[in-house]
Amino acid sequence: MPLRTSHTRADAVGELRDALWSIYRGELDLLIVKDAVAPARMAEAVRRAEAEPERFSWTPQEDPRRSHDEQMVVLGQTLTPVSGFDIDMAAYHAQAASFRRALDALFGPDDGGFEAKIQTLLGRLGGGREVFSPPAADGTGRYTPATIRKLPPGCHIPVHCGNFFLESPGYAHLRQTVAVVDQLSFFFPMQTPEAGGELLVYDLTWGDPTTPKMAEMDMFDPRAIEAWNHERFAPEVGELLLFDGGRYFHKVSRVEGGRARWTIGGFVGFTKDHDRVVYWS
């Protein structure tokens, strides 16, 4: 079944002013918001990051012994680190504060800073709900607002979906107040590759009894899922893509050519009473 998709402009969302709720309810699957961020601002952020690589703490996602040009690297820490499900939440919140400083250095003060820009855009699509970054369990920090991902040529992001990760310990506190199941995913391209690097969304959702499983393991088979019907999306630099990434299996195709794929993004959900919009990474 084709995905239910829509396009709008950041300054004229119209009937999509409650799009976040529509995606969460399963009434809309994917939305692309044009003119969300000026492409020149994205290009300048990439330039600054590349000009001073030692200034920013990038984390390799596969093997710390290999070059950053051979694997995806991430600026900012997520609740599901590549090392496994163990996570030091104090270190996570310290990294969140560090990432916010990196955002200021990379994007500058326009629109009140890039996190404020995220809040504004989500607010326009949130049906009038308050949009906020959740506080830490001890009240001394906040969750990471997003992460920046650099996917070099020859690399891809395997098949996955957001709901797979929700039982990891990093989500223990967030689960108490946020309806994290069926969370939304969002990202802005900062730099597009010469070819490839597309978002592939499969016609298969978490919990579907027909989901192929790996032999002798109660886990989905990513290679088998790659044979399923899917749709490809390649938003332009500065556009905002939001989709039902908690439910739908998806991947990012292999980056081709000589230019890396850069994105900044994270996750969106609602408080358990559905009265407020929450974002994190």
Foldseek 3Di string as FASTA:
>chain_A
DDFAEEEEELVDCDPLQQVQVCQLVVNHFKYKYPQLDDLVLLQQLVVQCVVCVVVFDWAFQPDPVDDCQAGKIKGADACAGSVGLDDDVVVNQVSLVVVQVSQCVRRNCPCHTVLNSVQSSVNSNNNNFHEDFAADPVRPGTFRQKMKMKGHAQGKFFKDFQQVNCVRPSNVVVVVWWPSAQWKKKKAWSDAFPDFQWKKWFPFWPPPPVFDDDPPDPHGDRVVRVPGDIDTDDDDHSMMMMGRRNTIIIMGTGGHDGGIIMMIIFIWTATPVRRHIYGHD
